[in-house]
Amino acid sequence: GYILAAASPYFPKGTIHVVVVDPGVGTPRKALLIQTERGYYIGPDNGVLVLAAKSQRRRHIYRIENPEFMLSEIS
């Protein structure tokens, strides 16, 4: 989370950052989409997005739950 928070201000406004660091893949943990004034962050609800979201003004936080956006079977 620290590297994401430190690097994200250097990306262009509107950048979509995707974080795929989650040892709990395949568990019931949900994914989040956080919209800030500078961009978007998508990742697991495990705290990895917290520092980046705190360093920018948050607009919306969404939990990604729609099964149409997920695989039916996890490998």
PDB file of N, CA and C in Angstrom:
ATOM      1  N   GLY A   1       0.794  -1.193   0.000  1.00  0.00           N
ATOM      2  CA  GLY A   1       0.000   0.000   0.000  1.00  0.00           C
ATOM      3  C   GLY A   1       0.846   1.271   0.000  1.00  0.00           C
ATOM      4  N   TYR A   2       2.008   1.225   0.687  1.00  0.00           N
ATOM      5  CA  TYR A   2       2.846   2.419   0.776  1.00  0.00           C
ATOM      6  C   TYR A   2       3.375   2.832  -0.597  1.00  0.00           C
ATOM      7  N   ILE A   3       3.851   1.886  -1.376  1.00  0.00           N
ATOM      8  CA  ILE A   3       4.401   2.209  -2.698  1.00  0.00           C
ATOM      9  C   ILE A   3       3.313   2.774  -3.599  1.00  0.00           C
ATOM     10  N   LEU A   4       2.133   2.214  -3.548  1.00  0.00           N
ATOM     11  CA  LEU A   4       1.011   2.731  -4.337  1.00  0.00           C
ATOM     12  C   LEU A   4       0.702   4.167  -3.941  1.00  0.00           C
ATOM     13  N   ALA A   5       0.640   4.448  -2.653  1.00  0.00           N
ATOM     14  CA  ALA A   5       0.343   5.807  -2.175  1.00  0.00           C
ATOM     15  C   ALA A   5       1.437   6.788  -2.579  1.00  0.00           C
ATOM     16  N   ALA A   6       2.691   6.350  -2.530  1.00  0.00           N
ATOM     17  CA  ALA A   6       3.804   7.237  -2.876  1.00  0.00           C
ATOM     18  C   ALA A   6       3.894   7.495  -4.379  1.00  0.00           C
ATOM     19  N   ALA A   7       3.554   6.505  -5.190  1.00  0.00           N
ATOM     20  CA  ALA A   7       3.708   6.633  -6.643  1.00  0.00           C
ATOM     21  C   ALA A   7       2.495   7.236  -7.339  1.00  0.00           C
ATOM     22  N   SER A   8       1.309   7.013  -6.814  1.00  0.00           N
ATOM     23  CA  SER A   8       0.098   7.406  -7.543  1.00  0.00           C
ATOM     24  C   SER A   8      -0.020   8.900  -7.852  1.00  0.00           C
ATOM     25  N   PRO A   9       0.508   9.827  -7.038  1.00  0.00           N
ATOM     26  CA  PRO A   9       0.407  11.242  -7.412  1.00  0.00           C
ATOM     27  C   PRO A   9       1.161  11.593  -8.701  1.00  0.00           C
ATOM     28  N   TYR A  10       2.078  10.739  -9.129  1.00  0.00           N
ATOM     29  CA  TYR A  10       2.866  11.006 -10.330  1.00  0.00           C
ATOM     30  C   TYR A  10       2.206  10.486 -11.612  1.00  0.00           C
ATOM     31  N   PHE A  11       1.104   9.780 -11.470  1.00  0.00           N
ATOM     32  CA  PHE A  11       0.372   9.281 -12.633  1.00  0.00           C
ATOM     33  C   PHE A  11      -0.618  10.340 -13.102  1.00  0.00           C
ATOM     34  N   PRO A  12      -0.992  10.320 -14.379  1.00  0.00           N
ATOM     35  CA  PRO A  12      -1.952  11.310 -14.884  1.00  0.00           C
ATOM     36  C   PRO A  12      -3.313  11.182 -14.206  1.00  0.00           C
ATOM     37  N   LYS A  13      -4.010  12.293 -14.120  1.00  0.00           N
ATOM     38  CA  LYS A  13      -5.361  12.300 -13.570  1.00  0.00           C
ATOM     39  C   LYS A  13      -6.227  11.344 -14.392  1.00  0.00           C
ATOM     40  N   GLY A  14      -7.052  10.556 -13.708  1.00  0.00           N
ATOM     41  CA  GLY A  14      -7.925   9.596 -14.378  1.00  0.00           C
ATOM     42  C   GLY A  14      -7.342   8.200 -14.499  1.00  0.00           C
ATOM     43  N   THR A  15      -6.111   8.005 -13.993  1.00  0.00           N
ATOM     44  CA  THR A  15      -5.471   6.689 -14.062  1.00  0.00           C
ATOM     45  C   THR A  15      -6.257   5.676 -13.242  1.00  0.00           C
ATOM     46  N   ILE A  16      -6.340   4.452 -13.750  1.00  0.00           N
ATOM     47  CA  ILE A  16      -6.969   3.342 -13.023  1.00  0.00           C
ATOM     48  C   ILE A  16      -5.845   2.453 -12.501  1.00  0.00           C
ATOM     49  N   HIS A  17      -5.717   2.374 -11.186  1.00  0.00           N
ATOM     50  CA  HIS A  17      -4.697   1.549 -10.537  1.00  0.00           C
ATOM     51  C   HIS A  17      -5.364   0.242 -10.110  1.00  0.00           C
ATOM     52  N   VAL A  18      -4.786  -0.884 -10.494  1.00  0.00           N
ATOM     53  CA  VAL A  18      -5.321  -2.193 -10.121  1.00  0.00           C
ATOM     54  C   VAL A  18      -4.289  -2.890  -9.244  1.00  0.00           C
ATOM     55  N   VAL A  19      -4.712  -3.295  -8.055  1.00  0.00           N
ATOM     56  CA  VAL A  19      -3.828  -3.959  -7.102  1.00  0.00           C
ATOM     57  C   VAL A  19      -4.248  -5.421  -6.995  1.00  0.00           C
ATOM     58  N   VAL A  20      -3.304  -6.324  -7.256  1.00  0.00           N
ATOM     59  CA  VAL A  20      -3.608  -7.750  -7.192  1.00  0.00           C
ATOM     60  C   VAL A  20      -2.640  -8.395  -6.205  1.00  0.00           C
ATOM     61  N   VAL A  21      -2.747  -7.997  -4.958  1.00  0.00           N
ATOM     62  CA  VAL A  21      -1.946  -8.561  -3.878  1.00  0.00           C
ATOM     63  C   VAL A  21      -2.930  -9.016  -2.817  1.00  0.00           C
ATOM     64  N   ASP A  22      -3.234 -10.302  -2.831  1.00  0.00           N
ATOM     65  CA  ASP A  22      -4.236 -10.799  -1.893  1.00  0.00           C
ATOM     66  C   ASP A  22      -4.013 -12.282  -1.632  1.00  0.00           C
ATOM     67  N   PRO A  23      -3.376 -12.614  -0.513  1.00  0.00           N
ATOM     68  CA  PRO A  23      -3.178 -14.028  -0.205  1.00  0.00           C
ATOM     69  C   PRO A  23      -4.486 -14.760   0.069  1.00  0.00           C
ATOM     70  N   GLY A  24      -5.578 -14.016   0.210  1.00  0.00           N
ATOM     71  CA  GLY A  24      -6.874 -14.636   0.479  1.00  0.00           C
ATOM     72  C   GLY A  24      -7.720 -14.825  -0.764  1.00  0.00           C
ATOM     73  N   VAL A  25      -7.092 -14.891  -1.940  1.00  0.00           N
ATOM     74  CA  VAL A  25      -7.855 -15.092  -3.175  1.00  0.00           C
ATOM     75  C   VAL A  25      -8.662 -16.373  -3.050  1.00  0.00           C
ATOM     76  N   GLY A  26      -9.906 -16.298  -3.468  1.00  0.00           N
ATOM     77  CA  GLY A  26     -10.785 -17.456  -3.371  1.00  0.00           C
ATOM     78  C   GLY A  26     -11.591 -17.472  -2.088  1.00  0.00           C
ATOM     79  N   THR A  27     -11.332 -16.525  -1.200  1.00  0.00           N
ATOM     80  CA  THR A  27     -12.113 -16.409   0.030  1.00  0.00           C
ATOM     81  C   THR A  27     -13.285 -15.474  -0.234  1.00  0.00           C
ATOM     82  N   PRO A  28     -14.177 -15.327   0.712  1.00  0.00           N
ATOM     83  CA  PRO A  28     -15.329 -14.439   0.511  1.00  0.00           C
ATOM     84  C   PRO A  28     -14.986 -12.944   0.499  1.00  0.00           C
ATOM     85  N   ARG A  29     -13.711 -12.587   0.664  1.00  0.00           N
ATOM     86  CA  ARG A  29     -13.327 -11.179   0.678  1.00  0.00           C
ATOM     87  C   ARG A  29     -13.763 -10.512  -0.622  1.00  0.00           C
ATOM     88  N   LYS A  30     -14.352  -9.344  -0.506  1.00  0.00           N
ATOM     89  CA  LYS A  30     -14.852  -8.603  -1.667  1.00  0.00           C
ATOM     90  C   LYS A  30     -13.773  -7.687  -2.233  1.00  0.00           C
ATOM     91  N   ALA A  31     -13.986  -7.273  -3.461  1.00  0.00           N
ATOM     92  CA  ALA A  31     -13.114  -6.295  -4.108  1.00  0.00           C
ATOM     93  C   ALA A  31     -13.738  -4.914  -3.964  1.00  0.00           C
ATOM     94  N   LEU A  32     -12.891  -3.889  -3.974  1.00  0.00           N
ATOM     95  CA  LEU A  32     -13.354  -2.506  -3.862  1.00  0.00           C
ATOM     96  C   LEU A  32     -12.927  -1.708  -5.079  1.00  0.00           C
ATOM     97  N   LEU A  33     -13.722  -0.702  -5.394  1.00  0.00           N
ATOM     98  CA  LEU A  33     -13.343   0.331  -6.345  1.00  0.00           C
ATOM     99  C   LEU A  33     -13.449   1.637  -5.587  1.00  0.00           C
ATOM    100  N   ILE A  34     -12.348   2.359  -5.484  1.00  0.00           N
ATOM    101  CA  ILE A  34     -12.337   3.650  -4.797  1.00  0.00           C
ATOM    102  C   ILE A  34     -12.078   4.727  -5.836  1.00  0.00           C
ATOM    103  N   GLN A  35     -13.002   5.673  -5.935  1.00  0.00           N
ATOM    104  CA  GLN A  35     -12.839   6.808  -6.840  1.00  0.00           C
ATOM    105  C   GLN A  35     -12.351   7.990  -6.020  1.00  0.00           C
ATOM    106  N   THR A  36     -11.241   8.597  -6.455  1.00  0.00           N
ATOM    107  CA  THR A  36     -10.712   9.786  -5.795  1.00  0.00           C
ATOM    108  C   THR A  36     -10.768  10.948  -6.775  1.00  0.00           C
ATOM    109  N   GLU A  37     -10.332  12.101  -6.323  1.00  0.00           N
ATOM    110  CA  GLU A  37     -10.331  13.265  -7.212  1.00  0.00           C
ATOM    111  C   GLU A  37      -9.313  13.110  -8.343  1.00  0.00           C
ATOM    112  N   ARG A  38      -8.356  12.198  -8.203  1.00  0.00           N
ATOM    113  CA  ARG A  38      -7.324  12.033  -9.241  1.00  0.00           C
ATOM    114  C   ARG A  38      -7.440  10.761 -10.058  1.00  0.00           C
ATOM    115  N   GLY A  39      -8.116   9.737  -9.539  1.00  0.00           N
ATOM    116  CA  GLY A  39      -8.176   8.490 -10.290  1.00  0.00           C
ATOM    117  C   GLY A  39      -8.989   7.427  -9.589  1.00  0.00           C
ATOM    118  N   TYR A  40      -8.724   6.186  -9.975  1.00  0.00           N
ATOM    119  CA  TYR A  40      -9.486   5.046  -9.469  1.00  0.00           C
ATOM    120  C   TYR A  40      -8.520   3.989  -8.943  1.00  0.00           C
ATOM    121  N   TYR A  41      -8.950   3.276  -7.906  1.00  0.00           N
ATOM    122  CA  TYR A  41      -8.169   2.198  -7.312  1.00  0.00           C
ATOM    123  C   TYR A  41      -9.075   0.984  -7.203  1.00  0.00           C
ATOM    124  N   ILE A  42      -8.624  -0.138  -7.737  1.00  0.00           N
ATOM    125  CA  ILE A  42      -9.381  -1.381  -7.668  1.00  0.00           C
ATOM    126  C   ILE A  42      -8.491  -2.410  -6.996  1.00  0.00           C
ATOM    127  N   GLY A  43      -9.039  -3.089  -5.993  1.00  0.00           N
ATOM    128  CA  GLY A  43      -8.250  -4.098  -5.302  1.00  0.00           C
ATOM    129  C   GLY A  43      -9.063  -4.785  -4.229  1.00  0.00           C
ATOM    130  N   PRO A  44      -8.441  -5.706  -3.509  1.00  0.00           N
ATOM    131  CA  PRO A  44      -9.133  -6.448  -2.461  1.00  0.00           C
ATOM    132  C   PRO A  44      -9.417  -5.567  -1.246  1.00  0.00           C
ATOM    133  N   ASP A  45     -10.451  -5.926  -0.520  1.00  0.00           N
ATOM    134  CA  ASP A  45     -10.817  -5.214   0.708  1.00  0.00           C
ATOM    135  C   ASP A  45      -9.975  -5.772   1.860  1.00  0.00           C
ATOM    136  N   ASN A  46      -8.653  -5.567   1.769  1.00  0.00           N
ATOM    137  CA  ASN A  46      -7.742  -6.075   2.797  1.00  0.00           C
ATOM    138  C   ASN A  46      -6.830  -4.984   3.361  1.00  0.00           C
ATOM    139  N   GLY A  47      -7.144  -3.720   3.039  1.00  0.00           N
ATOM    140  CA  GLY A  47      -6.373  -2.606   3.562  1.00  0.00           C
ATOM    141  C   GLY A  47      -5.298  -2.080   2.631  1.00  0.00           C
ATOM    142  N   VAL A  48      -5.012  -2.778   1.535  1.00  0.00           N
ATOM    143  CA  VAL A  48      -3.923  -2.377   0.647  1.00  0.00           C
ATOM    144  C   VAL A  48      -4.191  -1.036  -0.042  1.00  0.00           C
ATOM    145  N   LEU A  49      -5.442  -0.622  -0.162  1.00  0.00           N
ATOM    146  CA  LEU A  49      -5.779   0.636  -0.836  1.00  0.00           C
ATOM    147  C   LEU A  49      -5.882   1.823   0.120  1.00  0.00           C
ATOM    148  N   VAL A  50      -5.819   1.577   1.415  1.00  0.00           N
ATOM    149  CA  VAL A  50      -6.101   2.612   2.415  1.00  0.00           C
ATOM    150  C   VAL A  50      -5.181   3.826   2.306  1.00  0.00           C
ATOM    151  N   LEU A  51      -3.878   3.627   2.265  1.00  0.00           N
ATOM    152  CA  LEU A  51      -2.953   4.768   2.230  1.00  0.00           C
ATOM    153  C   LEU A  51      -3.141   5.617   0.977  1.00  0.00           C
ATOM    154  N   ALA A  52      -3.313   4.985  -0.165  1.00  0.00           N
ATOM    155  CA  ALA A  52      -3.509   5.736  -1.408  1.00  0.00           C
ATOM    156  C   ALA A  52      -4.813   6.525  -1.356  1.00  0.00           C
ATOM    157  N   ALA A  53      -5.867   5.913  -0.846  1.00  0.00           N
ATOM    158  CA  ALA A  53      -7.165   6.595  -0.767  1.00  0.00           C
ATOM    159  C   ALA A  53      -7.123   7.741   0.237  1.00  0.00           C
ATOM    160  N   LYS A  54      -6.388   7.569   1.333  1.00  0.00           N
ATOM    161  CA  LYS A  54      -6.289   8.633   2.340  1.00  0.00           C
ATOM    162  C   LYS A  54      -5.504   9.834   1.829  1.00  0.00           C
ATOM    163  N   SER A  55      -4.548   9.586   0.927  1.00  0.00           N
ATOM    164  CA  SER A  55      -3.701  10.675   0.451  1.00  0.00           C
ATOM    165  C   SER A  55      -4.390  11.541  -0.603  1.00  0.00           C
ATOM    166  N   GLN A  56      -5.561  11.125  -1.040  1.00  0.00           N
ATOM    167  CA  GLN A  56      -6.318  11.887  -2.041  1.00  0.00           C
ATOM    168  C   GLN A  56      -7.755  12.046  -1.554  1.00  0.00           C
ATOM    169  N   ARG A  57      -8.414  13.052  -2.043  1.00  0.00           N
ATOM    170  CA  ARG A  57      -9.813  13.270  -1.649  1.00  0.00           C
ATOM    171  C   ARG A  57     -10.688  12.176  -2.276  1.00  0.00           C
ATOM    172  N   ARG A  58     -11.319  11.379  -1.411  1.00  0.00           N
ATOM    173  CA  ARG A  58     -12.189  10.300  -1.886  1.00  0.00           C
ATOM    174  C   ARG A  58     -13.521  10.858  -2.347  1.00  0.00           C
ATOM    175  N   ARG A  59     -14.022  10.324  -3.434  1.00  0.00           N
ATOM    176  CA  ARG A  59     -15.353  10.695  -3.922  1.00  0.00           C
ATOM    177  C   ARG A  59     -16.360   9.593  -3.632  1.00  0.00           C
ATOM    178  N   HIS A  60     -16.011   8.370  -3.983  1.00  0.00           N
ATOM    179  CA  HIS A  60     -16.918   7.237  -3.775  1.00  0.00           C
ATOM    180  C   HIS A  60     -16.104   5.986  -3.476  1.00  0.00           C
ATOM    181  N   ILE A  61     -16.718   5.086  -2.712  1.00  0.00           N
ATOM    182  CA  ILE A  61     -16.154   3.759  -2.487  1.00  0.00           C
ATOM    183  C   ILE A  61     -17.253   2.760  -2.808  1.00  0.00           C
ATOM    184  N   TYR A  62     -16.944   1.830  -3.701  1.00  0.00           N
ATOM    185  CA  TYR A  62     -17.913   0.818  -4.109  1.00  0.00           C
ATOM    186  C   TYR A  62     -17.369  -0.561  -3.777  1.00  0.00           C
ATOM    187  N   ARG A  63     -18.240  -1.454  -3.348  1.00  0.00           N
ATOM    188  CA  ARG A  63     -17.880  -2.857  -3.190  1.00  0.00           C
ATOM    189  C   ARG A  63     -18.305  -3.557  -4.476  1.00  0.00           C
ATOM    190  N   ILE A  64     -17.403  -4.279  -5.097  1.00  0.00           N
ATOM    191  CA  ILE A  64     -17.713  -4.976  -6.344  1.00  0.00           C
ATOM    192  C   ILE A  64     -18.332  -6.321  -5.989  1.00  0.00           C
ATOM    193  N   GLU A  65     -19.632  -6.444  -6.237  1.00  0.00           N
ATOM    194  CA  GLU A  65     -20.362  -7.656  -5.862  1.00  0.00           C
ATOM    195  C   GLU A  65     -21.118  -8.298  -7.018  1.00  0.00           C
ATOM    196  N   ASN A  66     -21.281  -7.594  -8.117  1.00  0.00           N
ATOM    197  CA  ASN A  66     -22.070  -8.097  -9.227  1.00  0.00           C
ATOM    198  C   ASN A  66     -21.404  -9.338  -9.817  1.00  0.00           C
ATOM    199  N   PRO A  67     -22.080 -10.495  -9.799  1.00  0.00           N
ATOM    200  CA  PRO A  67     -21.469 -11.729 -10.301  1.00  0.00           C
ATOM    201  C   PRO A  67     -21.124 -11.678 -11.790  1.00  0.00           C
ATOM    202  N   GLU A  68     -21.693 -10.743 -12.526  1.00  0.00           N
ATOM    203  CA  GLU A  68     -21.373 -10.619 -13.951  1.00  0.00           C
ATOM    204  C   GLU A  68     -19.921 -10.183 -14.164  1.00  0.00           C
ATOM    205  N   PHE A  69     -19.289  -9.608 -13.137  1.00  0.00           N
ATOM    206  CA  PHE A  69     -17.909  -9.150 -13.249  1.00  0.00           C
ATOM    207  C   PHE A  69     -16.908 -10.142 -12.671  1.00  0.00           C
ATOM    208  N   MET A  70     -17.369 -11.346 -12.328  1.00  0.00           N
ATOM    209  CA  MET A  70     -16.504 -12.320 -11.674  1.00  0.00           C
ATOM    210  C   MET A  70     -16.577 -13.663 -12.380  1.00  0.00           C
ATOM    211  N   LEU A  71     -15.516 -14.431 -12.223  1.00  0.00           N
ATOM    212  CA  LEU A  71     -15.523 -15.785 -12.759  1.00  0.00           C
ATOM    213  C   LEU A  71     -16.412 -16.661 -11.894  1.00  0.00           C
ATOM    214  N   SER A  72     -17.112 -17.593 -12.516  1.00  0.00           N
ATOM    215  CA  SER A  72     -17.977 -18.485 -11.743  1.00  0.00           C
ATOM    216  C   SER A  72     -17.159 -19.545 -11.014  1.00  0.00           C
ATOM    217  N   GLU A  73     -15.996 -19.893 -11.570  1.00  0.00           N
ATOM    218  CA  GLU A  73     -15.133 -20.890 -10.958  1.00  0.00           C
ATOM    219  C   GLU A  73     -13.754 -20.302 -10.733  1.00  0.00           C
ATOM    220  N   ILE A  74     -13.203 -20.521  -9.577  1.00  0.00           N
ATOM    221  CA  ILE A  74     -11.859 -20.032  -9.274  1.00  0.00           C
ATOM    222  C   ILE A  74     -10.891 -21.183  -9.455  1.00  0.00           C
ATOM    223  N   SER A  75      -9.826 -20.933 -10.213  1.00  0.00           N
ATOM    224  CA  SER A  75      -8.858 -22.012 -10.483  1.00  0.00           C
ATOM    225  C   SER A  75      -7.944 -22.243  -9.309  1.00  0.00           C
TER     226      SER A  75
END
